[in-house]
């Protein structure tokens, strides 16, 4: 085997080697990207109801419970469902429909203790 032929084969092998390194790097980056995407989708487990309420120590201004979502349909039913899920948060929010002046409501939660939240 002559020197020229050996140099040609070395260059060929060098090209294959670079291709393998580049392919490996791309595969590693793709794997890292997929892992990162998967980890960002995993949600933490929610706290039990007793733990979340005990931790806040919040005393509600509105004493009545929200109406059942079964009384409503569509988006309104969903709104009443959310009101049942997060009453402490809604009790801390001001209602901008001024129902506090006319209906004696204490907070946004008050709108969901009657059919006022459906309008």
PDB file of N, CA and C in Angstrom:
ATOM      1  N   UNK A   1       0.844  -1.157   0.000  1.00  0.00           N
ATOM      2  CA  UNK A   1       0.000   0.000   0.000  1.00  0.00           C
ATOM      3  C   UNK A   1       0.897   1.230   0.000  1.00  0.00           C
ATOM      4  N   UNK A   2       0.611   2.129  -0.933  1.00  0.00           N
ATOM      5  CA  UNK A   2       1.428   3.328  -1.046  1.00  0.00           C
ATOM      6  C   UNK A   2       0.981   4.408  -0.081  1.00  0.00           C
ATOM      7  N   UNK A   3       1.817   5.437  -0.010  1.00  0.00           N
ATOM      8  CA  UNK A   3       1.548   6.527   0.916  1.00  0.00           C
ATOM      9  C   UNK A   3       0.279   7.280   0.522  1.00  0.00           C
ATOM     10  N   UNK A   4       0.076   7.497  -0.800  1.00  0.00           N
ATOM     11  CA  UNK A   4      -1.104   8.224  -1.254  1.00  0.00           C
ATOM     12  C   UNK A   4      -2.382   7.473  -0.904  1.00  0.00           C
ATOM     13  N   UNK A   5      -2.337   6.158  -1.097  1.00  0.00           N
ATOM     14  CA  UNK A   5      -3.519   5.349  -0.821  1.00  0.00           C
ATOM     15  C   UNK A   5      -3.821   5.340   0.682  1.00  0.00           C
ATOM     16  N   UNK A   6      -2.785   5.285   1.494  1.00  0.00           N
ATOM     17  CA  UNK A   6      -2.954   5.307   2.938  1.00  0.00           C
ATOM     18  C   UNK A   6      -3.545   6.645   3.384  1.00  0.00           C
ATOM     19  N   UNK A   7      -3.079   7.742   2.809  1.00  0.00           N
ATOM     20  CA  UNK A   7      -3.601   9.065   3.146  1.00  0.00           C
ATOM     21  C   UNK A   7      -5.079   9.178   2.778  1.00  0.00           C
ATOM     22  N   UNK A   8      -5.451   8.597   1.610  1.00  0.00           N
ATOM     23  CA  UNK A   8      -6.846   8.621   1.184  1.00  0.00           C
ATOM     24  C   UNK A   8      -7.727   7.871   2.180  1.00  0.00           C
ATOM     25  N   UNK A   9      -7.282   6.704   2.611  1.00  0.00           N
ATOM     26  CA  UNK A   9      -8.060   5.896   3.544  1.00  0.00           C
ATOM     27  C   UNK A   9      -8.148   6.578   4.908  1.00  0.00           C
ATOM     28  N   UNK A  10      -7.090   7.241   5.321  1.00  0.00           N
ATOM     29  CA  UNK A  10      -7.100   7.963   6.589  1.00  0.00           C
ATOM     30  C   UNK A  10      -8.115   9.095   6.532  1.00  0.00           C
ATOM     31  N   UNK A  11      -8.157   9.809   5.410  1.00  0.00           N
ATOM     32  CA  UNK A  11      -9.118  10.900   5.249  1.00  0.00           C
ATOM     33  C   UNK A  11     -10.548  10.364   5.254  1.00  0.00           C
ATOM     34  N   UNK A  12     -10.779   9.202   4.619  1.00  0.00           N
ATOM     35  CA  UNK A  12     -12.107   8.591   4.601  1.00  0.00           C
ATOM     36  C   UNK A  12     -12.528   8.229   6.022  1.00  0.00           C
ATOM     37  N   UNK A  13     -11.635   7.606   6.755  1.00  0.00           N
ATOM     38  CA  UNK A  13     -11.936   7.209   8.132  1.00  0.00           C
ATOM     39  C   UNK A  13     -12.177   8.426   9.023  1.00  0.00           C
ATOM     40  N   UNK A  14     -11.413   9.489   8.767  1.00  0.00           N
ATOM     41  CA  UNK A  14     -11.572  10.715   9.536  1.00  0.00           C
ATOM     42  C   UNK A  14     -12.961  11.308   9.281  1.00  0.00           C
ATOM     43  N   UNK A  15     -13.423  11.255   8.031  1.00  0.00           N
ATOM     44  CA  UNK A  15     -14.757  11.754   7.683  1.00  0.00           C
ATOM     45  C   UNK A  15     -15.845  10.943   8.358  1.00  0.00           C
ATOM     46  N   UNK A  16     -15.666   9.614   8.381  1.00  0.00           N
ATOM     47  CA  UNK A  16     -16.644   8.753   9.047  1.00  0.00           C
ATOM     48  C   UNK A  16     -16.650   9.029  10.546  1.00  0.00           C
ATOM     49  N   UNK A  17     -15.481   9.228  11.105  1.00  0.00           N
ATOM     50  CA  UNK A  17     -15.359   9.500  12.529  1.00  0.00           C
ATOM     51  C   UNK A  17     -16.075  10.806  12.891  1.00  0.00           C
ATOM     52  N   UNK A  18     -15.895  11.840  12.089  1.00  0.00           N
ATOM     53  CA  UNK A  18     -16.570  13.121  12.335  1.00  0.00           C
ATOM     54  C   UNK A  18     -18.084  12.955  12.238  1.00  0.00           C
ATOM     55  N   UNK A  19     -18.521  12.176  11.256  1.00  0.00           N
ATOM     56  CA  UNK A  19     -19.949  11.928  11.078  1.00  0.00           C
ATOM     57  C   UNK A  19     -20.527  11.223  12.304  1.00  0.00           C
ATOM     58  N   UNK A  20     -19.810  10.239  12.825  1.00  0.00           N
ATOM     59  CA  UNK A  20     -20.273   9.520  14.007  1.00  0.00           C
ATOM     60  C   UNK A  20     -20.329  10.432  15.236  1.00  0.00           C
ATOM     61  N   UNK A  21     -19.307  11.273  15.397  1.00  0.00           N
ATOM     62  CA  UNK A  21     -19.299  12.210  16.521  1.00  0.00           C
ATOM     63  C   UNK A  21     -20.463  13.200  16.417  1.00  0.00           C
ATOM     64  N   UNK A  22     -20.689  13.727  15.213  1.00  0.00           N
ATOM     65  CA  UNK A  22     -21.788  14.679  15.015  1.00  0.00           C
ATOM     66  C   UNK A  22     -23.133  13.998  15.271  1.00  0.00           C
ATOM     67  N   UNK A  23     -23.290  12.778  14.780  1.00  0.00           N
ATOM     68  CA  UNK A  23     -24.533  12.035  15.014  1.00  0.00           C
ATOM     69  C   UNK A  23     -24.760  11.759  16.486  1.00  0.00           C
ATOM     70  N   UNK A  24     -23.705  11.401  17.187  1.00  0.00           N
ATOM     71  CA  UNK A  24     -23.811  11.157  18.624  1.00  0.00           C
ATOM     72  C   UNK A  24     -24.190  12.419  19.387  1.00  0.00           C
ATOM     73  N   UNK A  25     -23.599  13.545  18.988  1.00  0.00           N
ATOM     74  CA  UNK A  25     -23.908  14.813  19.651  1.00  0.00           C
ATOM     75  C   UNK A  25     -25.372  15.197  19.425  1.00  0.00           C
ATOM     76  N   UNK A  26     -25.850  15.010  18.193  1.00  0.00           N
ATOM     77  CA  UNK A  26     -27.247  15.324  17.883  1.00  0.00           C
ATOM     78  C   UNK A  26     -28.179  14.414  18.685  1.00  0.00           C
ATOM     79  N   UNK A  27     -27.849  13.129  18.764  1.00  0.00           N
ATOM     80  CA  UNK A  27     -28.674  12.183  19.524  1.00  0.00           C
ATOM     81  C   UNK A  27     -28.688  12.550  21.008  1.00  0.00           C
ATOM     82  N   UNK A  28     -27.556  12.953  21.540  1.00  0.00           N
ATOM     83  CA  UNK A  28     -27.472  13.346  22.940  1.00  0.00           C
ATOM     84  C   UNK A  28     -28.304  14.602  23.205  1.00  0.00           C
ATOM     85  N   UNK A  29     -28.212  15.582  22.316  1.00  0.00           N
ATOM     86  CA  UNK A  29     -29.001  16.805  22.466  1.00  0.00           C
ATOM     87  C   UNK A  29     -30.498  16.509  22.372  1.00  0.00           C
ATOM     88  N   UNK A  30     -30.874  15.661  21.417  1.00  0.00           N
ATOM     89  CA  UNK A  30     -32.288  15.307  21.263  1.00  0.00           C
ATOM     90  C   UNK A  30     -32.796  14.586  22.510  1.00  0.00           C
ATOM     91  N   UNK A  31     -32.009  13.676  23.048  1.00  0.00           N
ATOM     92  CA  UNK A  31     -32.398  12.970  24.267  1.00  0.00           C
ATOM     93  C   UNK A  31     -32.544  13.919  25.442  1.00  0.00           C
ATOM     94  N   UNK A  32     -31.620  14.856  25.567  1.00  0.00           N
ATOM     95  CA  UNK A  32     -31.704  15.845  26.642  1.00  0.00           C
ATOM     96  C   UNK A  32     -32.930  16.732  26.502  1.00  0.00           C
ATOM     97  N   UNK A  33     -33.227  17.123  25.276  1.00  0.00           N
ATOM     98  CA  UNK A  33     -34.397  17.960  25.021  1.00  0.00           C
ATOM     99  C   UNK A  33     -35.683  17.213  25.374  1.00  0.00           C
ATOM    100  N   UNK A  34     -35.773  15.944  24.980  1.00  0.00           N
ATOM    101  CA  UNK A  34     -36.957  15.143  25.295  1.00  0.00           C
ATOM    102  C   UNK A  34     -37.103  14.939  26.800  1.00  0.00           C
ATOM    103  N   UNK A  35     -36.009  14.695  27.486  1.00  0.00           N
ATOM    104  CA  UNK A  35     -36.045  14.517  28.937  1.00  0.00           C
ATOM    105  C   UNK A  35     -36.489  15.802  29.625  1.00  0.00           C
ATOM    106  N   UNK A  36     -35.963  16.924  29.172  1.00  0.00           N
ATOM    107  CA  UNK A  36     -36.329  18.222  29.735  1.00  0.00           C
ATOM    108  C   UNK A  36     -37.819  18.480  29.520  1.00  0.00           C
ATOM    109  N   UNK A  37     -38.328  18.176  28.329  1.00  0.00           N
ATOM    110  CA  UNK A  37     -39.746  18.353  28.044  1.00  0.00           C
ATOM    111  C   UNK A  37     -40.610  17.458  28.908  1.00  0.00           C
ATOM    112  N   UNK A  38     -40.170  16.222  29.115  1.00  0.00           N
ATOM    113  CA  UNK A  38     -40.938  15.287  29.924  1.00  0.00           C
ATOM    114  C   UNK A  38     -40.973  15.736  31.384  1.00  0.00           C
ATOM    115  N   UNK A  39     -39.855  16.229  31.886  1.00  0.00           N
ATOM    116  CA  UNK A  39     -39.796  16.654  33.280  1.00  0.00           C
ATOM    117  C   UNK A  39     -40.657  17.881  33.535  1.00  0.00           C
ATOM    118  N   UNK A  40     -40.802  18.751  32.546  1.00  0.00           N
ATOM    119  CA  UNK A  40     -41.609  19.948  32.743  1.00  0.00           C
ATOM    120  C   UNK A  40     -43.098  19.630  32.721  1.00  0.00           C
ATOM    121  N   UNK A  41     -43.495  18.469  32.192  1.00  0.00           N
ATOM    122  CA  UNK A  41     -44.904  18.081  32.128  1.00  0.00           C
ATOM    123  C   UNK A  41     -45.369  17.449  33.430  1.00  0.00           C
ATOM    124  N   UNK A  42     -44.488  16.808  34.154  1.00  0.00           N
ATOM    125  CA  UNK A  42     -44.855  16.129  35.392  1.00  0.00           C
ATOM    126  C   UNK A  42     -45.286  17.172  36.418  1.00  0.00           C
ATOM    127  N   UNK A  43     -46.502  17.002  36.942  1.00  0.00           N
ATOM    128  CA  UNK A  43     -47.035  17.963  37.904  1.00  0.00           C
ATOM    129  C   UNK A  43     -46.858  17.435  39.325  1.00  0.00           C
ATOM    130  N   UNK A  44     -46.619  18.334  40.275  1.00  0.00           N
ATOM    131  CA  UNK A  44     -46.508  17.879  41.658  1.00  0.00           C
ATOM    132  C   UNK A  44     -47.871  17.427  42.171  1.00  0.00           C
ATOM    133  N   UNK A  45     -47.864  16.549  43.160  1.00  0.00           N
ATOM    134  CA  UNK A  45     -49.112  16.067  43.740  1.00  0.00           C
ATOM    135  C   UNK A  45     -49.753  17.190  44.555  1.00  0.00           C
ATOM    136  N   UNK A  46     -51.068  17.377  44.407  1.00  0.00           N
ATOM    137  CA  UNK A  46     -51.730  18.437  45.177  1.00  0.00           C
ATOM    138  C   UNK A  46     -51.809  18.062  46.655  1.00  0.00           C
ATOM    139  N   UNK A  47     -51.872  19.084  47.482  1.00  0.00           N
ATOM    140  CA  UNK A  47     -52.014  18.867  48.917  1.00  0.00           C
ATOM    141  C   UNK A  47     -53.412  18.344  49.218  1.00  0.00           C
ATOM    142  N   UNK A  48     -53.529  17.607  50.274  1.00  0.00           N
ATOM    143  CA  UNK A  48     -54.852  17.169  50.717  1.00  0.00           C
ATOM    144  C   UNK A  48     -55.628  18.392  51.180  1.00  0.00           C
ATOM    145  N   UNK A  49     -56.952  18.353  51.101  1.00  0.00           N
ATOM    146  CA  UNK A  49     -57.761  19.517  51.462  1.00  0.00           C
ATOM    147  C   UNK A  49     -57.476  20.001  52.877  1.00  0.00           C
ATOM    148  N   UNK A  50     -57.342  19.082  53.812  1.00  0.00           N
ATOM    149  CA  UNK A  50     -57.118  19.491  55.200  1.00  0.00           C
ATOM    150  C   UNK A  50     -55.780  20.210  55.350  1.00  0.00           C
ATOM    151  N   UNK A  51     -54.772  19.773  54.595  1.00  0.00           N
ATOM    152  CA  UNK A  51     -53.455  20.413  54.683  1.00  0.00           C
ATOM    153  C   UNK A  51     -53.492  21.824  54.107  1.00  0.00           C
ATOM    154  N   UNK A  52     -54.159  22.011  52.965  1.00  0.00           N
ATOM    155  CA  UNK A  52     -54.150  23.315  52.318  1.00  0.00           C
ATOM    156  C   UNK A  52     -54.929  24.343  53.131  1.00  0.00           C
ATOM    157  N   UNK A  53     -56.048  23.929  53.748  1.00  0.00           N
ATOM    158  CA  UNK A  53     -56.826  24.873  54.536  1.00  0.00           C
ATOM    159  C   UNK A  53     -56.150  25.173  55.868  1.00  0.00           C
ATOM    160  N   UNK A  54     -55.547  24.173  56.459  1.00  0.00           N
ATOM    161  CA  UNK A  54     -54.892  24.377  57.747  1.00  0.00           C
ATOM    162  C   UNK A  54     -53.682  25.288  57.599  1.00  0.00           C
ATOM    163  N   UNK A  55     -52.985  25.178  56.494  1.00  0.00           N
ATOM    164  CA  UNK A  55     -51.777  25.970  56.295  1.00  0.00           C
ATOM    165  C   UNK A  55     -52.107  27.442  56.129  1.00  0.00           C
ATOM    166  N   UNK A  56     -53.241  27.761  55.479  1.00  0.00           N
ATOM    167  CA  UNK A  56     -53.543  29.159  55.214  1.00  0.00           C
ATOM    168  C   UNK A  56     -54.038  29.874  56.469  1.00  0.00           C
ATOM    169  N   UNK A  57     -54.860  29.207  57.280  1.00  0.00           N
ATOM    170  CA  UNK A  57     -55.380  29.842  58.478  1.00  0.00           C
ATOM    171  C   UNK A  57     -56.353  30.961  58.172  1.00  0.00           C
ATOM    172  N   UNK A  58     -56.844  31.026  56.964  1.00  0.00           N
ATOM    173  CA  UNK A  58     -57.736  32.101  56.529  1.00  0.00           C
ATOM    174  C   UNK A  58     -59.150  31.875  57.048  1.00  0.00           C
ATOM    175  N   UNK A  59     -59.770  32.909  57.581  1.00  0.00           N
ATOM    176  CA  UNK A  59     -61.153  32.841  58.044  1.00  0.00           C
ATOM    177  C   UNK A  59     -62.008  33.567  57.010  1.00  0.00           C
ATOM    178  N   UNK A  60     -62.939  32.847  56.429  1.00  0.00           N
ATOM    179  CA  UNK A  60     -63.770  33.421  55.362  1.00  0.00           C
ATOM    180  C   UNK A  60     -64.734  34.478  55.888  1.00  0.00           C
ATOM    181  N   UNK A  61     -64.959  35.493  55.047  1.00  0.00           N
ATOM    182  CA  UNK A  61     -65.977  36.497  55.343  1.00  0.00           C
ATOM    183  C   UNK A  61     -67.352  35.963  54.959  1.00  0.00           C
ATOM    184  N   UNK A  62     -67.392  35.215  53.843  1.00  0.00           N
ATOM    185  CA  UNK A  62     -68.651  34.621  53.376  1.00  0.00           C
ATOM    186  C   UNK A  62     -68.829  33.268  54.046  1.00  0.00           C
ATOM    187  N   UNK A  63     -69.922  33.112  54.770  1.00  0.00           N
ATOM    188  CA  UNK A  63     -70.159  31.870  55.522  1.00  0.00           C
ATOM    189  C   UNK A  63     -70.932  30.831  54.708  1.00  0.00           C
ATOM    190  N   UNK A  64     -71.675  31.267  53.676  1.00  0.00           N
ATOM    191  CA  UNK A  64     -72.465  30.326  52.876  1.00  0.00           C
ATOM    192  C   UNK A  64     -71.578  29.624  51.848  1.00  0.00           C
ATOM    193  N   UNK A  65     -71.987  28.422  51.459  1.00  0.00           N
ATOM    194  CA  UNK A  65     -71.258  27.642  50.447  1.00  0.00           C
ATOM    195  C   UNK A  65     -71.773  27.987  49.054  1.00  0.00           C
ATOM    196  N   UNK A  66     -70.937  27.831  48.037  1.00  0.00           N
ATOM    197  CA  UNK A  66     -71.396  28.064  46.660  1.00  0.00           C
ATOM    198  C   UNK A  66     -72.481  27.058  46.268  1.00  0.00           C
ATOM    199  N   UNK A  67     -73.351  27.463  45.343  1.00  0.00           N
ATOM    200  CA  UNK A  67     -74.397  26.570  44.847  1.00  0.00           C
ATOM    201  C   UNK A  67     -73.783  25.427  44.053  1.00  0.00           C
ATOM    202  N   UNK A  68     -74.543  24.372  43.897  1.00  0.00           N
ATOM    203  CA  UNK A  68     -74.085  23.196  43.152  1.00  0.00           C
ATOM    204  C   UNK A  68     -74.005  23.504  41.657  1.00  0.00           C
ATOM    205  N   UNK A  69     -72.938  23.073  40.986  1.00  0.00           N
ATOM    206  CA  UNK A  69     -72.834  23.278  39.538  1.00  0.00           C
ATOM    207  C   UNK A  69     -73.898  22.503  38.763  1.00  0.00           C
ATOM    208  N   UNK A  70     -74.533  21.513  39.398  1.00  0.00           N
ATOM    209  CA  UNK A  70     -75.569  20.722  38.726  1.00  0.00           C
ATOM    210  C   UNK A  70     -76.797  21.572  38.388  1.00  0.00           C
ATOM    211  N   UNK A  71     -76.934  22.725  39.014  1.00  0.00           N
ATOM    212  CA  UNK A  71     -78.070  23.604  38.739  1.00  0.00           C
ATOM    213  C   UNK A  71     -77.897  24.393  37.450  1.00  0.00           C
ATOM    214  N   UNK A  72     -76.710  24.340  36.857  1.00  0.00           N
ATOM    215  CA  UNK A  72     -76.396  25.167  35.701  1.00  0.00           C
ATOM    216  C   UNK A  72     -75.859  24.312  34.557  1.00  0.00           C
ATOM    217  N   UNK A  73     -75.674  24.938  33.395  1.00  0.00           N
ATOM    218  CA  UNK A  73     -75.122  24.232  32.230  1.00  0.00           C
ATOM    219  C   UNK A  73     -73.968  25.043  31.638  1.00  0.00           C
ATOM    220  N   UNK A  74     -73.114  24.366  30.874  1.00  0.00           N
ATOM    221  CA  UNK A  74     -72.043  25.021  30.113  1.00  0.00           C
ATOM    222  C   UNK A  74     -71.005  25.717  30.972  1.00  0.00           C
ATOM    223  N   UNK A  75     -70.633  26.917  30.506  1.00  0.00           N
ATOM    224  CA  UNK A  75     -69.586  27.693  31.182  1.00  0.00           C
ATOM    225  C   UNK A  75     -70.014  28.110  32.590  1.00  0.00           C
ATOM    226  N   UNK A  76     -71.306  28.338  32.762  1.00  0.00           N
ATOM    227  CA  UNK A  76     -71.795  28.730  34.084  1.00  0.00           C
ATOM    228  C   UNK A  76     -71.595  27.602  35.090  1.00  0.00           C
ATOM    229  N   UNK A  77     -71.891  26.371  34.663  1.00  0.00           N
ATOM    230  CA  UNK A  77     -71.679  25.218  35.548  1.00  0.00           C
ATOM    231  C   UNK A  77     -70.206  25.089  35.899  1.00  0.00           C
ATOM    232  N   UNK A  78     -69.338  25.331  34.932  1.00  0.00           N
ATOM    233  CA  UNK A  78     -67.889  25.252  35.184  1.00  0.00           C
ATOM    234  C   UNK A  78     -67.461  26.325  36.189  1.00  0.00           C
ATOM    235  N   UNK A  79     -68.033  27.529  36.075  1.00  0.00           N
ATOM    236  CA  UNK A  79     -67.694  28.607  37.004  1.00  0.00           C
ATOM    237  C   UNK A  79     -68.095  28.243  38.432  1.00  0.00           C
ATOM    238  N   UNK A  80     -69.281  27.665  38.591  1.00  0.00           N
ATOM    239  CA  UNK A  80     -69.718  27.248  39.926  1.00  0.00           C
ATOM    240  C   UNK A  80     -68.881  26.080  40.447  1.00  0.00           C
ATOM    241  N   UNK A  81     -68.414  25.217  39.548  1.00  0.00           N
ATOM    242  CA  UNK A  81     -67.535  24.111  39.950  1.00  0.00           C
ATOM    243  C   UNK A  81     -66.217  24.661  40.499  1.00  0.00           C
ATOM    244  N   UNK A  82     -65.660  25.643  39.803  1.00  0.00           N
ATOM    245  CA  UNK A  82     -64.408  26.269  40.255  1.00  0.00           C
ATOM    246  C   UNK A  82     -64.632  26.977  41.588  1.00  0.00           C
ATOM    247  N   UNK A  83     -65.788  27.612  41.741  1.00  0.00           N
ATOM    248  CA  UNK A  83     -66.091  28.292  43.006  1.00  0.00           C
ATOM    249  C   UNK A  83     -66.110  27.303  44.164  1.00  0.00           C
ATOM    250  N   UNK A  84     -66.571  26.083  43.914  1.00  0.00           N
ATOM    251  CA  UNK A  84     -66.558  25.066  44.969  1.00  0.00           C
ATOM    252  C   UNK A  84     -65.147  24.573  45.256  1.00  0.00           C
ATOM    253  N   UNK A  85     -64.282  24.605  44.247  1.00  0.00           N
ATOM    254  CA  UNK A  85     -62.912  24.099  44.411  1.00  0.00           C
ATOM    255  C   UNK A  85     -61.997  25.089  45.125  1.00  0.00           C
ATOM    256  N   UNK A  86     -62.196  26.393  44.912  1.00  0.00           N
ATOM    257  CA  UNK A  86     -61.287  27.395  45.490  1.00  0.00           C
ATOM    258  C   UNK A  86     -62.047  28.504  46.236  1.00  0.00           C
ATOM    259  N   UNK A  87     -62.881  28.162  47.199  1.00  0.00           N
ATOM    260  CA  UNK A  87     -63.665  29.200  47.875  1.00  0.00           C
ATOM    261  C   UNK A  87     -62.814  30.201  48.658  1.00  0.00           C
ATOM    262  N   UNK A  88     -61.722  29.759  49.262  1.00  0.00           N
ATOM    263  CA  UNK A  88     -60.885  30.686  50.041  1.00  0.00           C
ATOM    264  C   UNK A  88     -60.281  31.773  49.160  1.00  0.00           C
ATOM    265  N   UNK A  89     -59.910  31.407  47.960  1.00  0.00           N
ATOM    266  CA  UNK A  89     -59.326  32.392  47.039  1.00  0.00           C
ATOM    267  C   UNK A  89     -60.386  33.388  46.597  1.00  0.00           C
ATOM    268  N   UNK A  90     -61.566  32.890  46.195  1.00  0.00           N
ATOM    269  CA  UNK A  90     -62.636  33.780  45.747  1.00  0.00           C
ATOM    270  C   UNK A  90     -63.101  34.699  46.867  1.00  0.00           C
ATOM    271  N   UNK A  91     -63.035  34.238  48.103  1.00  0.00           N
ATOM    272  CA  UNK A  91     -63.456  35.066  49.228  1.00  0.00           C
ATOM    273  C   UNK A  91     -62.505  36.246  49.447  1.00  0.00           C
ATOM    274  N   UNK A  92     -61.305  36.154  48.947  1.00  0.00           N
ATOM    275  CA  UNK A  92     -60.332  37.236  49.108  1.00  0.00           C
ATOM    276  C   UNK A  92     -60.339  38.212  47.936  1.00  0.00           C
ATOM    277  N   UNK A  93     -61.152  37.920  46.906  1.00  0.00           N
ATOM    278  CA  UNK A  93     -61.197  38.775  45.720  1.00  0.00           C
ATOM    279  C   UNK A  93     -62.391  39.720  45.760  1.00  0.00           C
ATOM    280  N   UNK A  94     -62.169  40.944  45.331  1.00  0.00           N
ATOM    281  CA  UNK A  94     -63.231  41.935  45.257  1.00  0.00           C
ATOM    282  C   UNK A  94     -64.061  41.690  44.006  1.00  0.00           C
ATOM    283  N   UNK A  95     -65.370  41.846  44.112  1.00  0.00           N
ATOM    284  CA  UNK A  95     -66.261  41.688  42.967  1.00  0.00           C
ATOM    285  C   UNK A  95     -66.540  43.074  42.392  1.00  0.00           C
ATOM    286  N   UNK A  96     -66.280  43.258  41.118  1.00  0.00           N
ATOM    287  CA  UNK A  96     -66.415  44.565  40.485  1.00  0.00           C
ATOM    288  C   UNK A  96     -67.814  44.860  39.950  1.00  0.00           C
ATOM    289  N   UNK A  97     -68.784  43.979  40.181  1.00  0.00           N
ATOM    290  CA  UNK A  97     -70.145  44.271  39.710  1.00  0.00           C
ATOM    291  C   UNK A  97     -70.916  45.086  40.749  1.00  0.00           C
ATOM    292  N   UNK A  98     -70.265  45.469  41.821  1.00  0.00           N
ATOM    293  CA  UNK A  98     -70.822  46.292  42.899  1.00  0.00           C
ATOM    294  C   UNK A  98     -72.005  45.633  43.594  1.00  0.00           C
ATOM    295  N   UNK A  99     -72.001  44.300  43.629  1.00  0.00           N
ATOM    296  CA  UNK A  99     -73.066  43.584  44.331  1.00  0.00           C
ATOM    297  C   UNK A  99     -72.959  43.790  45.840  1.00  0.00           C
ATOM    298  N   UNK A 100     -71.804  44.249  46.303  1.00  0.00           N
ATOM    299  CA  UNK A 100     -71.664  44.521  47.733  1.00  0.00           C
ATOM    300  C   UNK A 100     -72.571  45.679  48.160  1.00  0.00           C
ATOM    301  N   UNK A 101     -72.842  46.622  47.246  1.00  0.00           N
ATOM    302  CA  UNK A 101     -73.691  47.770  47.565  1.00  0.00           C
ATOM    303  C   UNK A 101     -75.174  47.406  47.518  1.00  0.00           C
ATOM    304  N   UNK A 102     -75.549  46.547  46.563  1.00  0.00           N
ATOM    305  CA  UNK A 102     -76.965  46.273  46.341  1.00  0.00           C
ATOM    306  C   UNK A 102     -77.445  44.972  46.980  1.00  0.00           C
ATOM    307  N   UNK A 103     -76.595  43.965  47.026  1.00  0.00           N
ATOM    308  CA  UNK A 103     -77.011  42.655  47.521  1.00  0.00           C
ATOM    309  C   UNK A 103     -76.353  42.274  48.845  1.00  0.00           C
ATOM    310  N   UNK A 104     -75.489  43.128  49.351  1.00  0.00           N
ATOM    311  CA  UNK A 104     -74.830  42.854  50.621  1.00  0.00           C
ATOM    312  C   UNK A 104     -73.754  41.784  50.537  1.00  0.00           C
ATOM    313  N   UNK A 105     -73.169  41.617  49.372  1.00  0.00           N
ATOM    314  CA  UNK A 105     -72.131  40.596  49.199  1.00  0.00           C
ATOM    315  C   UNK A 105     -70.826  41.041  49.840  1.00  0.00           C
ATOM    316  N   UNK A 106     -70.086  40.082  50.363  1.00  0.00           N
ATOM    317  CA  UNK A 106     -68.823  40.375  51.038  1.00  0.00           C
ATOM    318  C   UNK A 106     -67.620  40.243  50.111  1.00  0.00           C
ATOM    319  N   UNK A 107     -67.737  39.383  49.071  1.00  0.00           N
ATOM    320  CA  UNK A 107     -66.604  39.130  48.184  1.00  0.00           C
ATOM    321  C   UNK A 107     -67.108  38.472  46.904  1.00  0.00           C
ATOM    322  N   UNK A 108     -66.196  38.090  46.049  1.00  0.00           N
ATOM    323  CA  UNK A 108     -66.564  37.402  44.813  1.00  0.00           C
ATOM    324  C   UNK A 108     -67.206  36.049  45.107  1.00  0.00           C
ATOM    325  N   UNK A 109     -66.834  35.408  46.193  1.00  0.00           N
ATOM    326  CA  UNK A 109     -67.453  34.135  46.569  1.00  0.00           C
ATOM    327  C   UNK A 109     -68.950  34.305  46.815  1.00  0.00           C
ATOM    328  N   UNK A 110     -69.359  35.453  47.328  1.00  0.00           N
ATOM    329  CA  UNK A 110     -70.778  35.696  47.598  1.00  0.00           C
ATOM    330  C   UNK A 110     -71.622  35.596  46.336  1.00  0.00           C
ATOM    331  N   UNK A 111     -71.073  35.953  45.198  1.00  0.00           N
ATOM    332  CA  UNK A 111     -71.813  35.879  43.933  1.00  0.00           C
ATOM    333  C   UNK A 111     -72.196  34.444  43.592  1.00  0.00           C
ATOM    334  N   UNK A 112     -71.426  33.479  44.087  1.00  0.00           N
ATOM    335  CA  UNK A 112     -71.677  32.077  43.768  1.00  0.00           C
ATOM    336  C   UNK A 112     -72.509  31.368  44.838  1.00  0.00           C
ATOM    337  N   UNK A 113     -72.918  32.092  45.893  1.00  0.00           N
ATOM    338  CA  UNK A 113     -73.800  31.491  46.897  1.00  0.00           C
ATOM    339  C   UNK A 113     -75.259  31.661  46.498  1.00  0.00           C
ATOM    340  N   UNK A 114     -75.515  32.448  45.469  1.00  0.00           N
ATOM    341  CA  UNK A 114     -76.846  32.563  44.873  1.00  0.00           C
ATOM    342  C   UNK A 114     -76.680  32.525  43.355  1.00  0.00           C
ATOM    343  N   UNK A 115     -77.730  32.781  42.632  1.00  0.00           N
ATOM    344  CA  UNK A 115     -77.658  32.680  41.164  1.00  0.00           C
ATOM    345  C   UNK A 115     -77.056  33.931  40.526  1.00  0.00           C
ATOM    346  N   UNK A 116     -76.594  34.846  41.354  1.00  0.00           N
ATOM    347  CA  UNK A 116     -76.003  36.083  40.844  1.00  0.00           C
ATOM    348  C   UNK A 116     -74.742  35.816  40.006  1.00  0.00           C
ATOM    349  N   UNK A 117     -73.999  34.777  40.343  1.00  0.00           N
ATOM    350  CA  UNK A 117     -72.778  34.451  39.602  1.00  0.00           C
ATOM    351  C   UNK A 117     -73.049  33.925  38.208  1.00  0.00           C
ATOM    352  N   UNK A 118     -74.296  33.579  37.906  1.00  0.00           N
ATOM    353  CA  UNK A 118     -74.656  33.041  36.591  1.00  0.00           C
ATOM    354  C   UNK A 118     -74.887  34.144  35.571  1.00  0.00           C
ATOM    355  N   UNK A 119     -74.977  35.394  36.017  1.00  0.00           N
ATOM    356  CA  UNK A 119     -75.260  36.477  35.068  1.00  0.00           C
ATOM    357  C   UNK A 119     -74.016  37.209  34.678  1.00  0.00           C
TER     358      UNK A 119
END
